[in-house]
């Protein structure tokens, strides 16, 4: 099974059914392929594509046109981001069904907790064909 939290201290000490206590503040920010958007991976499964992560959007950052291959869920912790469907402010929860396509922007910056069952599929520009992992 590839279910894991990268950079989890003492990961080898956990048994297969033990809870994982993740000190999120101690996890490193990892750059994504999109300039201005970094992430902290909380849990991922390379076999299935499952990913739960914090995304930190710098003011003015834009995530290129992409398709959600499975349901995507986002909870905005700080700031706000937007797309053609609306503005998602701190405290808002948004989810998108399989097949939803959009460009997302954060004019003011944001911190967003996201849950994916499969990676996004990017549809144009520099990220065409790439997956956000």
N, C-alpha and C. Protein backbone atom coordinates (compact mmCIF):
# COMPACT_ATOMS: atom_id res chain seq x y z
N UNK A 1 0.85 -1.18 0.00
CA UNK A 1 0.00 0.00 0.00
C UNK A 1 0.89 1.24 0.00
N UNK A 2 0.55 2.21 -0.80
CA UNK A 2 1.37 3.42 -0.92
C UNK A 2 0.79 4.59 -0.13
N UNK A 3 -0.16 4.34 0.75
CA UNK A 3 -0.76 5.41 1.55
C UNK A 3 0.27 5.91 2.54
N UNK A 4 0.55 7.25 2.50
CA UNK A 4 1.62 7.77 3.33
C UNK A 4 1.51 9.28 3.51
N UNK A 5 2.24 9.79 4.48
CA UNK A 5 2.48 11.22 4.64
C UNK A 5 3.97 11.42 4.43
N UNK A 6 4.36 12.10 3.34
CA UNK A 6 5.79 12.35 3.14
C UNK A 6 6.36 13.16 4.30
N UNK A 7 7.58 12.91 4.66
CA UNK A 7 8.30 13.65 5.71
C UNK A 7 7.73 13.42 7.10
N UNK A 8 6.92 12.39 7.29
CA UNK A 8 6.39 12.09 8.62
C UNK A 8 7.52 11.52 9.48
N UNK A 9 7.88 12.22 10.58
CA UNK A 9 8.94 11.71 11.44
C UNK A 9 8.59 10.33 11.99
N UNK A 10 9.56 9.48 12.08
CA UNK A 10 9.41 8.13 12.63
C UNK A 10 8.35 7.31 11.92
N UNK A 11 8.17 7.52 10.62
CA UNK A 11 7.15 6.79 9.86
C UNK A 11 7.32 5.28 9.97
N UNK A 12 8.56 4.83 10.10
CA UNK A 12 8.82 3.38 10.19
C UNK A 12 8.36 2.79 11.52
N UNK A 13 8.01 3.61 12.49
CA UNK A 13 7.57 3.14 13.81
C UNK A 13 6.08 2.80 13.85
N UNK A 14 5.33 3.22 12.81
CA UNK A 14 3.89 3.00 12.80
C UNK A 14 3.55 1.62 12.26
N UNK A 15 2.61 0.96 12.93
CA UNK A 15 2.08 -0.29 12.42
C UNK A 15 1.03 -0.01 11.36
N UNK A 16 0.60 -1.02 10.61
CA UNK A 16 -0.32 -0.79 9.51
C UNK A 16 -1.68 -0.22 9.92
N UNK A 17 -2.10 -0.42 11.16
CA UNK A 17 -3.41 0.06 11.60
C UNK A 17 -3.32 1.20 12.62
N UNK A 18 -2.10 1.72 12.86
CA UNK A 18 -1.93 2.82 13.80
C UNK A 18 -2.39 4.14 13.20
N UNK A 19 -2.93 5.02 14.05
CA UNK A 19 -3.23 6.39 13.65
C UNK A 19 -1.92 7.12 13.39
N UNK A 20 -1.95 8.04 12.43
CA UNK A 20 -0.78 8.87 12.15
C UNK A 20 -1.08 10.27 12.66
N UNK A 21 -0.26 10.74 13.57
CA UNK A 21 -0.41 12.08 14.13
C UNK A 21 0.55 13.00 13.38
N UNK A 22 0.01 13.85 12.52
CA UNK A 22 0.83 14.68 11.64
C UNK A 22 0.95 16.09 12.21
N UNK A 23 2.15 16.50 12.52
CA UNK A 23 2.42 17.88 12.97
C UNK A 23 2.54 18.74 11.71
N UNK A 24 1.43 19.30 11.28
CA UNK A 24 1.36 20.00 9.99
C UNK A 24 2.34 21.16 9.93
N UNK A 25 2.53 21.88 11.04
CA UNK A 25 3.47 23.00 11.04
C UNK A 25 4.89 22.57 10.72
N UNK A 26 5.23 21.32 11.00
CA UNK A 26 6.58 20.82 10.76
C UNK A 26 6.78 20.28 9.35
N UNK A 27 5.70 20.08 8.60
CA UNK A 27 5.84 19.60 7.22
C UNK A 27 6.35 20.73 6.33
N UNK A 28 7.21 20.39 5.36
CA UNK A 28 7.72 21.44 4.47
C UNK A 28 6.69 21.82 3.40
N UNK A 29 6.75 23.08 2.97
CA UNK A 29 5.98 23.50 1.80
C UNK A 29 6.72 23.00 0.57
N UNK A 30 5.98 22.43 -0.37
CA UNK A 30 6.54 21.87 -1.59
C UNK A 30 6.00 22.67 -2.77
N UNK A 31 6.88 23.12 -3.68
CA UNK A 31 6.35 23.85 -4.83
C UNK A 31 5.53 22.93 -5.73
N UNK A 32 4.49 23.47 -6.33
CA UNK A 32 3.73 22.74 -7.34
C UNK A 32 4.25 23.19 -8.71
N UNK A 33 3.79 22.58 -9.79
CA UNK A 33 4.20 23.05 -11.13
C UNK A 33 3.69 24.47 -11.44
N UNK A 34 2.75 24.98 -10.65
CA UNK A 34 2.19 26.30 -10.87
C UNK A 34 2.91 27.33 -10.01
N UNK A 35 3.56 28.32 -10.62
CA UNK A 35 4.23 29.35 -9.84
C UNK A 35 3.24 30.06 -8.91
N UNK A 36 3.69 30.27 -7.66
CA UNK A 36 2.86 30.97 -6.68
C UNK A 36 1.94 30.08 -5.87
N UNK A 37 1.94 28.77 -6.15
CA UNK A 37 1.11 27.83 -5.38
C UNK A 37 2.03 26.73 -4.82
N UNK A 38 2.07 26.65 -3.49
CA UNK A 38 2.85 25.61 -2.81
C UNK A 38 1.89 24.71 -2.05
N UNK A 39 2.38 23.53 -1.67
CA UNK A 39 1.51 22.59 -0.97
C UNK A 39 2.24 21.86 0.14
N UNK A 40 1.46 21.42 1.13
CA UNK A 40 1.92 20.50 2.17
C UNK A 40 1.08 19.25 2.00
N UNK A 41 1.71 18.15 1.70
CA UNK A 41 1.00 16.89 1.51
C UNK A 41 0.72 16.28 2.88
N UNK A 42 -0.56 16.10 3.21
CA UNK A 42 -0.96 15.53 4.49
C UNK A 42 -1.07 14.02 4.41
N UNK A 43 -1.65 13.53 3.32
CA UNK A 43 -1.71 12.09 3.06
C UNK A 43 -1.87 11.89 1.56
N UNK A 44 -1.23 10.86 1.05
CA UNK A 44 -1.37 10.55 -0.37
C UNK A 44 -1.23 9.06 -0.58
N UNK A 45 -1.79 8.60 -1.67
CA UNK A 45 -1.68 7.21 -2.09
C UNK A 45 -1.31 7.22 -3.56
N UNK A 46 -0.06 6.92 -3.85
CA UNK A 46 0.41 6.93 -5.24
C UNK A 46 -0.31 5.90 -6.10
N UNK A 47 -0.79 4.82 -5.50
CA UNK A 47 -1.48 3.77 -6.28
C UNK A 47 -2.84 4.23 -6.78
N UNK A 48 -3.58 4.98 -5.95
CA UNK A 48 -4.94 5.37 -6.33
C UNK A 48 -5.05 6.82 -6.80
N UNK A 49 -4.09 7.67 -6.39
CA UNK A 49 -4.16 9.09 -6.72
C UNK A 49 -4.78 9.92 -5.62
N UNK A 50 -5.24 9.30 -4.52
CA UNK A 50 -5.81 10.04 -3.40
C UNK A 50 -4.79 11.04 -2.88
N UNK A 51 -5.25 12.26 -2.58
CA UNK A 51 -4.38 13.29 -2.05
C UNK A 51 -5.19 14.22 -1.15
N UNK A 52 -4.68 14.46 0.05
CA UNK A 52 -5.19 15.50 0.93
C UNK A 52 -4.01 16.42 1.19
N UNK A 53 -4.20 17.73 0.93
CA UNK A 53 -3.08 18.66 1.04
C UNK A 53 -3.57 20.06 1.36
N UNK A 54 -2.69 20.83 1.97
CA UNK A 54 -2.88 22.26 2.14
C UNK A 54 -2.24 22.95 0.95
N UNK A 55 -2.94 23.91 0.37
CA UNK A 55 -2.41 24.69 -0.74
C UNK A 55 -2.32 26.14 -0.32
N UNK A 56 -1.14 26.71 -0.50
CA UNK A 56 -0.91 28.12 -0.18
C UNK A 56 -0.77 28.88 -1.51
N UNK A 57 -1.74 29.74 -1.76
CA UNK A 57 -1.78 30.55 -2.98
C UNK A 57 -1.22 31.93 -2.68
N UNK A 58 -0.21 32.33 -3.41
CA UNK A 58 0.29 33.70 -3.29
C UNK A 58 -0.68 34.63 -4.01
N UNK A 59 -0.78 35.89 -3.56
CA UNK A 59 -1.66 36.83 -4.25
C UNK A 59 -1.32 36.91 -5.74
N UNK A 60 -2.37 36.85 -6.56
CA UNK A 60 -2.20 36.95 -8.00
C UNK A 60 -1.94 35.63 -8.71
N UNK A 61 -1.89 34.52 -7.99
CA UNK A 61 -1.61 33.23 -8.64
C UNK A 61 -2.85 32.69 -9.34
N UNK A 62 -2.59 31.93 -10.42
CA UNK A 62 -3.66 31.34 -11.24
C UNK A 62 -3.33 29.88 -11.53
N UNK A 63 -4.30 29.01 -11.34
CA UNK A 63 -4.17 27.60 -11.68
C UNK A 63 -4.82 27.40 -13.04
N UNK A 64 -4.03 26.96 -14.02
CA UNK A 64 -4.46 26.83 -15.41
C UNK A 64 -5.70 25.92 -15.55
N UNK A 65 -6.32 26.00 -16.70
CA UNK A 65 -7.50 25.18 -17.01
C UNK A 65 -7.20 23.72 -16.70
N UNK A 66 -8.08 23.14 -15.89
CA UNK A 66 -7.91 21.74 -15.50
C UNK A 66 -9.27 21.08 -15.31
N UNK A 67 -9.24 19.77 -15.35
CA UNK A 67 -10.45 18.96 -15.16
C UNK A 67 -10.29 18.13 -13.90
N UNK A 68 -11.36 18.06 -13.11
CA UNK A 68 -11.37 17.20 -11.93
C UNK A 68 -11.79 15.80 -12.37
N UNK A 69 -10.86 14.86 -12.26
CA UNK A 69 -11.06 13.50 -12.75
C UNK A 69 -12.03 12.74 -11.84
N UNK A 70 -12.06 13.10 -10.59
CA UNK A 70 -13.04 12.61 -9.61
C UNK A 70 -13.46 13.82 -8.77
N UNK A 71 -14.33 13.62 -7.80
CA UNK A 71 -14.78 14.73 -6.96
C UNK A 71 -13.58 15.41 -6.32
N UNK A 72 -13.65 16.74 -6.23
CA UNK A 72 -12.64 17.55 -5.54
C UNK A 72 -13.36 18.35 -4.48
N UNK A 73 -12.77 18.43 -3.29
CA UNK A 73 -13.36 19.16 -2.18
C UNK A 73 -12.35 20.17 -1.65
N UNK A 74 -12.81 21.40 -1.39
CA UNK A 74 -11.92 22.45 -0.90
C UNK A 74 -12.57 23.19 0.26
N UNK A 75 -11.79 23.38 1.33
CA UNK A 75 -12.22 24.20 2.46
C UNK A 75 -11.23 25.34 2.59
N UNK A 76 -11.73 26.57 2.50
CA UNK A 76 -10.87 27.75 2.52
C UNK A 76 -10.60 28.14 3.98
N UNK A 77 -9.35 28.07 4.38
CA UNK A 77 -8.95 28.40 5.75
C UNK A 77 -8.64 29.88 5.92
N UNK A 78 -8.00 30.46 4.91
CA UNK A 78 -7.63 31.88 4.95
C UNK A 78 -7.74 32.46 3.55
N UNK A 79 -7.99 33.75 3.46
CA UNK A 79 -8.02 34.44 2.17
C UNK A 79 -9.20 34.00 1.32
N UNK A 80 -8.98 33.99 0.00
CA UNK A 80 -10.04 33.57 -0.92
C UNK A 80 -9.46 33.22 -2.28
N UNK A 81 -10.21 32.38 -2.99
CA UNK A 81 -9.89 32.12 -4.39
C UNK A 81 -11.19 32.16 -5.17
N UNK A 82 -11.09 32.15 -6.49
CA UNK A 82 -12.29 32.32 -7.32
C UNK A 82 -12.14 31.58 -8.64
N UNK A 83 -13.29 31.40 -9.28
CA UNK A 83 -13.36 30.90 -10.65
C UNK A 83 -14.60 31.52 -11.28
N UNK A 84 -14.97 31.06 -12.45
CA UNK A 84 -16.13 31.64 -13.12
C UNK A 84 -17.44 31.34 -12.40
N UNK A 85 -17.45 30.38 -11.47
CA UNK A 85 -18.66 30.04 -10.72
C UNK A 85 -18.84 30.88 -9.47
N UNK A 86 -17.76 31.54 -8.98
CA UNK A 86 -17.92 32.36 -7.79
C UNK A 86 -16.62 32.61 -7.05
N UNK A 87 -16.77 33.23 -5.88
CA UNK A 87 -15.66 33.54 -5.00
C UNK A 87 -15.82 32.67 -3.75
N UNK A 88 -14.72 32.05 -3.33
CA UNK A 88 -14.72 31.14 -2.19
C UNK A 88 -13.85 31.76 -1.09
N UNK A 89 -14.51 32.26 -0.04
CA UNK A 89 -13.83 33.00 1.03
C UNK A 89 -13.56 32.09 2.22
N UNK A 90 -12.72 32.59 3.13
CA UNK A 90 -12.40 31.85 4.36
C UNK A 90 -13.68 31.38 5.03
N UNK A 91 -13.71 30.11 5.39
CA UNK A 91 -14.88 29.52 6.01
C UNK A 91 -15.81 28.83 5.03
N UNK A 92 -15.61 29.05 3.72
CA UNK A 92 -16.45 28.40 2.71
C UNK A 92 -15.89 27.03 2.33
N UNK A 93 -16.81 26.12 2.03
CA UNK A 93 -16.48 24.78 1.52
C UNK A 93 -17.07 24.68 0.12
N UNK A 94 -16.28 24.23 -0.83
CA UNK A 94 -16.76 24.03 -2.20
C UNK A 94 -16.37 22.63 -2.65
N UNK A 95 -17.25 22.01 -3.43
CA UNK A 95 -16.86 20.74 -4.05
C UNK A 95 -17.28 20.77 -5.50
N UNK A 96 -16.52 20.02 -6.28
CA UNK A 96 -16.74 19.97 -7.72
C UNK A 96 -16.87 18.52 -8.15
N UNK A 97 -17.86 18.24 -9.00
CA UNK A 97 -18.05 16.85 -9.45
C UNK A 97 -17.01 16.42 -10.47
N UNK A 98 -16.93 15.14 -10.64
CA UNK A 98 -16.09 14.54 -11.68
C UNK A 98 -16.43 15.19 -13.01
N UNK A 99 -15.40 15.60 -13.76
CA UNK A 99 -15.60 16.19 -15.08
C UNK A 99 -15.65 17.70 -15.09
N UNK A 100 -15.75 18.33 -13.89
CA UNK A 100 -15.81 19.80 -13.83
C UNK A 100 -14.48 20.38 -14.32
N UNK A 101 -14.59 21.43 -15.17
CA UNK A 101 -13.40 22.11 -15.69
C UNK A 101 -13.46 23.58 -15.30
N UNK A 102 -12.29 24.12 -14.92
CA UNK A 102 -12.24 25.55 -14.59
C UNK A 102 -10.80 26.03 -14.49
N UNK A 103 -10.67 27.36 -14.49
CA UNK A 103 -9.43 28.05 -14.16
C UNK A 103 -9.68 28.68 -12.79
N UNK A 104 -8.76 28.49 -11.85
CA UNK A 104 -8.91 29.06 -10.51
C UNK A 104 -7.86 30.16 -10.32
N UNK A 105 -8.27 31.21 -9.60
CA UNK A 105 -7.39 32.36 -9.36
C UNK A 105 -7.50 32.78 -7.90
N UNK A 106 -6.43 33.40 -7.42
CA UNK A 106 -6.46 33.96 -6.07
C UNK A 106 -5.83 35.35 -6.10
N UNK A 107 -6.63 36.38 -6.41
CA UNK A 107 -6.08 37.74 -6.47
C UNK A 107 -5.46 38.21 -5.15
N UNK A 108 -6.01 37.75 -4.01
CA UNK A 108 -5.56 38.23 -2.69
C UNK A 108 -4.73 37.20 -1.92
N UNK A 109 -4.63 35.98 -2.42
CA UNK A 109 -3.93 34.90 -1.71
C UNK A 109 -4.91 34.07 -0.90
N UNK A 110 -4.52 32.82 -0.61
CA UNK A 110 -5.40 31.91 0.12
C UNK A 110 -4.62 30.75 0.72
N UNK A 111 -5.23 30.13 1.71
CA UNK A 111 -4.78 28.86 2.27
C UNK A 111 -5.99 27.94 2.21
N UNK A 112 -5.86 26.83 1.47
CA UNK A 112 -7.00 25.97 1.18
C UNK A 112 -6.64 24.51 1.47
N UNK A 113 -7.52 23.83 2.19
CA UNK A 113 -7.39 22.40 2.45
C UNK A 113 -8.18 21.68 1.37
N UNK A 114 -7.50 20.81 0.58
CA UNK A 114 -8.14 20.14 -0.55
C UNK A 114 -8.04 18.63 -0.43
N UNK A 115 -9.09 17.98 -0.94
CA UNK A 115 -9.19 16.52 -0.95
C UNK A 115 -9.45 16.06 -2.38
N UNK A 116 -8.60 15.19 -2.90
CA UNK A 116 -8.73 14.66 -4.25
C UNK A 116 -8.73 13.14 -4.20
N UNK A 117 -9.56 12.50 -5.01
CA UNK A 117 -9.51 11.05 -5.17
C UNK A 117 -8.58 10.66 -6.30
N UNK A 118 -8.42 11.56 -7.27
CA UNK A 118 -7.51 11.39 -8.41
C UNK A 118 -6.90 12.76 -8.71
N UNK A 119 -5.70 12.81 -9.27
CA UNK A 119 -5.09 14.10 -9.62
C UNK A 119 -5.86 14.83 -10.72
N UNK A 120 -5.79 16.16 -10.68
CA UNK A 120 -6.37 16.98 -11.75
C UNK A 120 -5.67 16.66 -13.07
N UNK A 121 -6.40 16.86 -14.17
CA UNK A 121 -5.82 16.74 -15.50
C UNK A 121 -5.79 18.15 -16.09
N UNK A 122 -4.59 18.65 -16.41
CA UNK A 122 -4.46 19.99 -16.97
C UNK A 122 -4.67 19.95 -18.46
N UNK A 123 -5.34 20.97 -18.99
CA UNK A 123 -5.86 20.92 -20.36
C UNK A 123 -5.24 21.92 -21.33
N UNK A 124 -4.38 22.79 -20.88
CA UNK A 124 -3.82 23.75 -21.81
C UNK A 124 -2.62 24.46 -21.25
N UNK A 125 -1.86 25.08 -22.13
CA UNK A 125 -0.71 25.86 -21.72
C UNK A 125 0.44 24.98 -21.26
N UNK A 126 1.29 25.55 -20.41
CA UNK A 126 2.51 24.88 -19.97
C UNK A 126 2.25 23.58 -19.22
N UNK A 127 1.10 23.47 -18.55
CA UNK A 127 0.81 22.30 -17.72
C UNK A 127 0.03 21.22 -18.48
N UNK A 128 -0.18 21.40 -19.77
CA UNK A 128 -1.00 20.49 -20.56
C UNK A 128 -0.55 19.04 -20.34
N UNK A 129 -1.48 18.20 -19.93
CA UNK A 129 -1.22 16.78 -19.75
C UNK A 129 -0.61 16.43 -18.42
N UNK A 130 -0.13 17.39 -17.65
CA UNK A 130 0.48 17.11 -16.35
C UNK A 130 -0.59 16.87 -15.30
N UNK A 131 -0.18 16.20 -14.24
CA UNK A 131 -1.05 16.01 -13.09
C UNK A 131 -0.44 16.74 -11.92
N UNK A 132 -1.26 17.34 -11.07
CA UNK A 132 -0.79 17.97 -9.85
C UNK A 132 -0.66 16.87 -8.81
N UNK A 133 0.57 16.63 -8.34
CA UNK A 133 0.82 15.56 -7.36
C UNK A 133 1.43 16.12 -6.12
